Structure formats: structure tokens, C-alpha cells
């Protein structure tokens, strides 16, 4: 029984870390945009969000570190996407 509680706590801690990363409005906006529009590069995102490219890149680094987004290089551009079905469902529940 104690082992079951420990596993649950580990799961809750992991989920809490994901929620912390998603708690920033810009990161939530980036993730929602990637879910709705599909893979995008930083240039497309910073134009749409009207923010400096460096700011978007910093947020993407945090999202990638948390495994919320993944990236794929195509030529000189890096495209980001959300593949984690749990994150997709969570964002859809939160933001419709």
C-alpha cells in the first residue's frame, strides 16, 4: 500500500511540473497555437504573437525541456509541434 502511494505521489509531482510549465500565458498560447495550426517555426510564432524572437525561443526551450513540444529541423528552420496526447487533451479542456 505504501508503494502505491509513493507511485501516486511521483505521478502527481510529474503532472504538477507539466502544469507549472504550462502556467505561463505565453507558453499556453504557444502550445494552443501549435495544437490548432500544427508545426510552426519561431519566425511564424513571433510574428503572430508580436514578441521578440528571443522571448519565443526561451519559452520554447522550457516547453521542449518539459517534453511538451518536440522539434524537427527542416533545412535552416526548426519546426515545433505538440505530440503528447495528454497535453493536447489538457489544453483543449482548459481552453476549448
C-alpha atoms as a PDB file:
ATOM      1  CA  UNK A   1       0.000   0.000   0.000  1.00  0.00           C
ATOM      2  CA  UNK A   2       2.829   2.390   0.839  1.00  0.00           C
ATOM      3  CA  UNK A   3       4.371   1.630  -2.556  1.00  0.00           C
ATOM      4  CA  UNK A   4       1.096   2.554  -4.272  1.00  0.00           C
ATOM      5  CA  UNK A   5       1.029   5.931  -2.518  1.00  0.00           C
ATOM      6  CA  UNK A   6       4.650   6.560  -3.482  1.00  0.00           C
ATOM      7  CA  UNK A   7       3.877   5.876  -7.160  1.00  0.00           C
ATOM      8  CA  UNK A   8       0.865   8.183  -6.992  1.00  0.00           C
ATOM      9  CA  UNK A   9       2.947  10.956  -5.443  1.00  0.00           C
ATOM     10  CA  UNK A  10       5.552  10.584  -8.196  1.00  0.00           C
ATOM     11  CA  UNK A  11       2.808  10.810 -10.827  1.00  0.00           C
ATOM     12  CA  UNK A  12       1.319  13.898  -9.169  1.00  0.00           C
ATOM     13  CA  UNK A  13       4.743  15.537  -8.949  1.00  0.00           C
ATOM     14  CA  UNK A  14       5.341  14.867 -12.638  1.00  0.00           C
ATOM     15  CA  UNK A  15       1.940  16.273 -13.577  1.00  0.00           C
ATOM     16  CA  UNK A  16       2.483  19.308 -11.344  1.00  0.00           C
ATOM     17  CA  UNK A  17       5.752  20.066 -13.150  1.00  0.00           C
ATOM     18  CA  UNK A  18       3.943  19.976 -16.511  1.00  0.00           C
ATOM     19  CA  UNK A  19       1.269  22.302 -15.176  1.00  0.00           C
ATOM     20  CA  UNK A  20       3.928  24.720 -13.870  1.00  0.00           C
ATOM     21  CA  UNK A  21       5.445  24.980 -17.332  1.00  0.00           C
ATOM     22  CA  UNK A  22       2.024  25.487 -18.920  1.00  0.00           C
ATOM     23  CA  UNK A  23       1.026  28.083 -16.307  1.00  0.00           C
ATOM     24  CA  UNK A  24       2.705  30.950 -18.187  1.00  0.00           C
ATOM     25  CA  UNK A  25       0.236  32.676 -20.559  1.00  0.00           C
ATOM     26  CA  UNK A  26       2.723  32.928 -23.443  1.00  0.00           C
ATOM     27  CA  UNK A  27       3.649  29.243 -23.221  1.00  0.00           C
ATOM     28  CA  UNK A  28      -0.009  28.277 -23.039  1.00  0.00           C
ATOM     29  CA  UNK A  29      -0.676  30.414 -26.116  1.00  0.00           C
ATOM     30  CA  UNK A  30       2.226  28.786 -27.985  1.00  0.00           C
ATOM     31  CA  UNK A  31       1.013  25.282 -27.145  1.00  0.00           C
ATOM     32  CA  UNK A  32      -2.588  26.072 -28.102  1.00  0.00           C
ATOM     33  CA  UNK A  33      -1.403  27.573 -31.394  1.00  0.00           C
ATOM     34  CA  UNK A  34       0.720  24.522 -32.195  1.00  0.00           C
ATOM     35  CA  UNK A  35      -2.202  22.212 -31.442  1.00  0.00           C
ATOM     36  CA  UNK A  36      -4.601  24.212 -33.621  1.00  0.00           C
ATOM     37  CA  UNK A  37      -2.283  25.078 -36.521  1.00  0.00           C
ATOM     38  CA  UNK A  38       0.224  22.240 -36.486  1.00  0.00           C
ATOM     39  CA  UNK A  39       4.007  22.501 -36.639  1.00  0.00           C
ATOM     40  CA  UNK A  40       5.420  26.035 -36.753  1.00  0.00           C
ATOM     41  CA  UNK A  41       8.805  27.695 -36.684  1.00  0.00           C
ATOM     42  CA  UNK A  42       9.875  30.545 -34.412  1.00  0.00           C
ATOM     43  CA  UNK A  43       9.509  33.138 -37.182  1.00  0.00           C
ATOM     44  CA  UNK A  44       5.837  32.294 -37.649  1.00  0.00           C
ATOM     45  CA  UNK A  45       5.215  32.334 -33.904  1.00  0.00           C
ATOM     46  CA  UNK A  46       6.900  35.629 -33.091  1.00  0.00           C
ATOM     47  CA  UNK A  47       5.099  37.361 -35.960  1.00  0.00           C
ATOM     48  CA  UNK A  48       1.755  36.058 -34.697  1.00  0.00           C
ATOM     49  CA  UNK A  49       2.468  36.812 -31.038  1.00  0.00           C
ATOM     50  CA  UNK A  50       4.121  40.191 -31.705  1.00  0.00           C
ATOM     51  CA  UNK A  51       7.015  39.366 -29.351  1.00  0.00           C
ATOM     52  CA  UNK A  52      10.772  39.268 -29.846  1.00  0.00           C
ATOM     53  CA  UNK A  53      12.121  36.073 -31.358  1.00  0.00           C
ATOM     54  CA  UNK A  54      14.420  35.571 -28.359  1.00  0.00           C
ATOM     55  CA  UNK A  55      11.440  35.594 -25.983  1.00  0.00           C
ATOM     56  CA  UNK A  56       9.607  32.961 -28.012  1.00  0.00           C
ATOM     57  CA  UNK A  57      12.782  30.859 -28.202  1.00  0.00           C
ATOM     58  CA  UNK A  58      13.173  30.960 -24.402  1.00  0.00           C
ATOM     59  CA  UNK A  59       9.600  29.791 -23.900  1.00  0.00           C
ATOM     60  CA  UNK A  60      10.042  27.039 -26.493  1.00  0.00           C
ATOM     61  CA  UNK A  61      13.188  25.852 -24.701  1.00  0.00           C
ATOM     62  CA  UNK A  62      11.215  25.430 -21.468  1.00  0.00           C
ATOM     63  CA  UNK A  63       8.402  23.633 -23.290  1.00  0.00           C
ATOM     64  CA  UNK A  64      10.877  21.341 -25.016  1.00  0.00           C
ATOM     65  CA  UNK A  65      12.735  20.640 -21.769  1.00  0.00           C
ATOM     66  CA  UNK A  66       9.428  19.560 -20.191  1.00  0.00           C
ATOM     67  CA  UNK A  67       8.716  17.370 -23.252  1.00  0.00           C
ATOM     68  CA  UNK A  68       5.569  19.341 -24.022  1.00  0.00           C
ATOM     69  CA  UNK A  69       6.812  20.181 -27.510  1.00  0.00           C
ATOM     70  CA  UNK A  70       9.225  18.425 -29.821  1.00  0.00           C
ATOM     71  CA  UNK A  71      11.242  19.871 -32.661  1.00  0.00           C
ATOM     72  CA  UNK A  72      12.347  18.849 -36.129  1.00  0.00           C
ATOM     73  CA  UNK A  73      14.880  20.602 -38.315  1.00  0.00           C
ATOM     74  CA  UNK A  74      13.893  21.228 -41.933  1.00  0.00           C
ATOM     75  CA  UNK A  75      16.762  22.936 -43.714  1.00  0.00           C
ATOM     76  CA  UNK A  76      17.648  26.058 -41.757  1.00  0.00           C
ATOM     77  CA  UNK A  77      14.360  26.172 -39.833  1.00  0.00           C
ATOM     78  CA  UNK A  78      13.316  24.275 -36.711  1.00  0.00           C
ATOM     79  CA  UNK A  79       9.645  23.365 -36.536  1.00  0.00           C
ATOM     80  CA  UNK A  80       7.951  22.741 -33.199  1.00  0.00           C
ATOM     81  CA  UNK A  81       4.918  20.552 -32.573  1.00  0.00           C
ATOM     82  CA  UNK A  82       2.863  19.052 -29.763  1.00  0.00           C
ATOM     83  CA  UNK A  83       2.543  15.269 -29.944  1.00  0.00           C
ATOM     84  CA  UNK A  84       1.767  14.426 -26.322  1.00  0.00           C
ATOM     85  CA  UNK A  85      -1.904  13.429 -26.337  1.00  0.00           C
ATOM     86  CA  UNK A  86      -2.280  14.162 -22.619  1.00  0.00           C
ATOM     87  CA  UNK A  87      -1.123  17.750 -23.156  1.00  0.00           C
ATOM     88  CA  UNK A  88      -3.400  18.131 -26.186  1.00  0.00           C
ATOM     89  CA  UNK A  89      -6.417  16.948 -24.187  1.00  0.00           C
ATOM     90  CA  UNK A  90      -5.493  19.114 -21.199  1.00  0.00           C
ATOM     91  CA  UNK A  91      -5.184  22.279 -23.283  1.00  0.00           C
ATOM     92  CA  UNK A  92      -8.453  21.528 -25.068  1.00  0.00           C
ATOM     93  CA  UNK A  93     -10.224  21.116 -21.722  1.00  0.00           C
ATOM     94  CA  UNK A  94      -8.711  24.349 -20.380  1.00  0.00           C
ATOM     95  CA  UNK A  95      -9.175  26.495 -23.472  1.00  0.00           C
ATOM     96  CA  UNK A  96     -11.818  24.733 -25.509  1.00  0.00           C
END
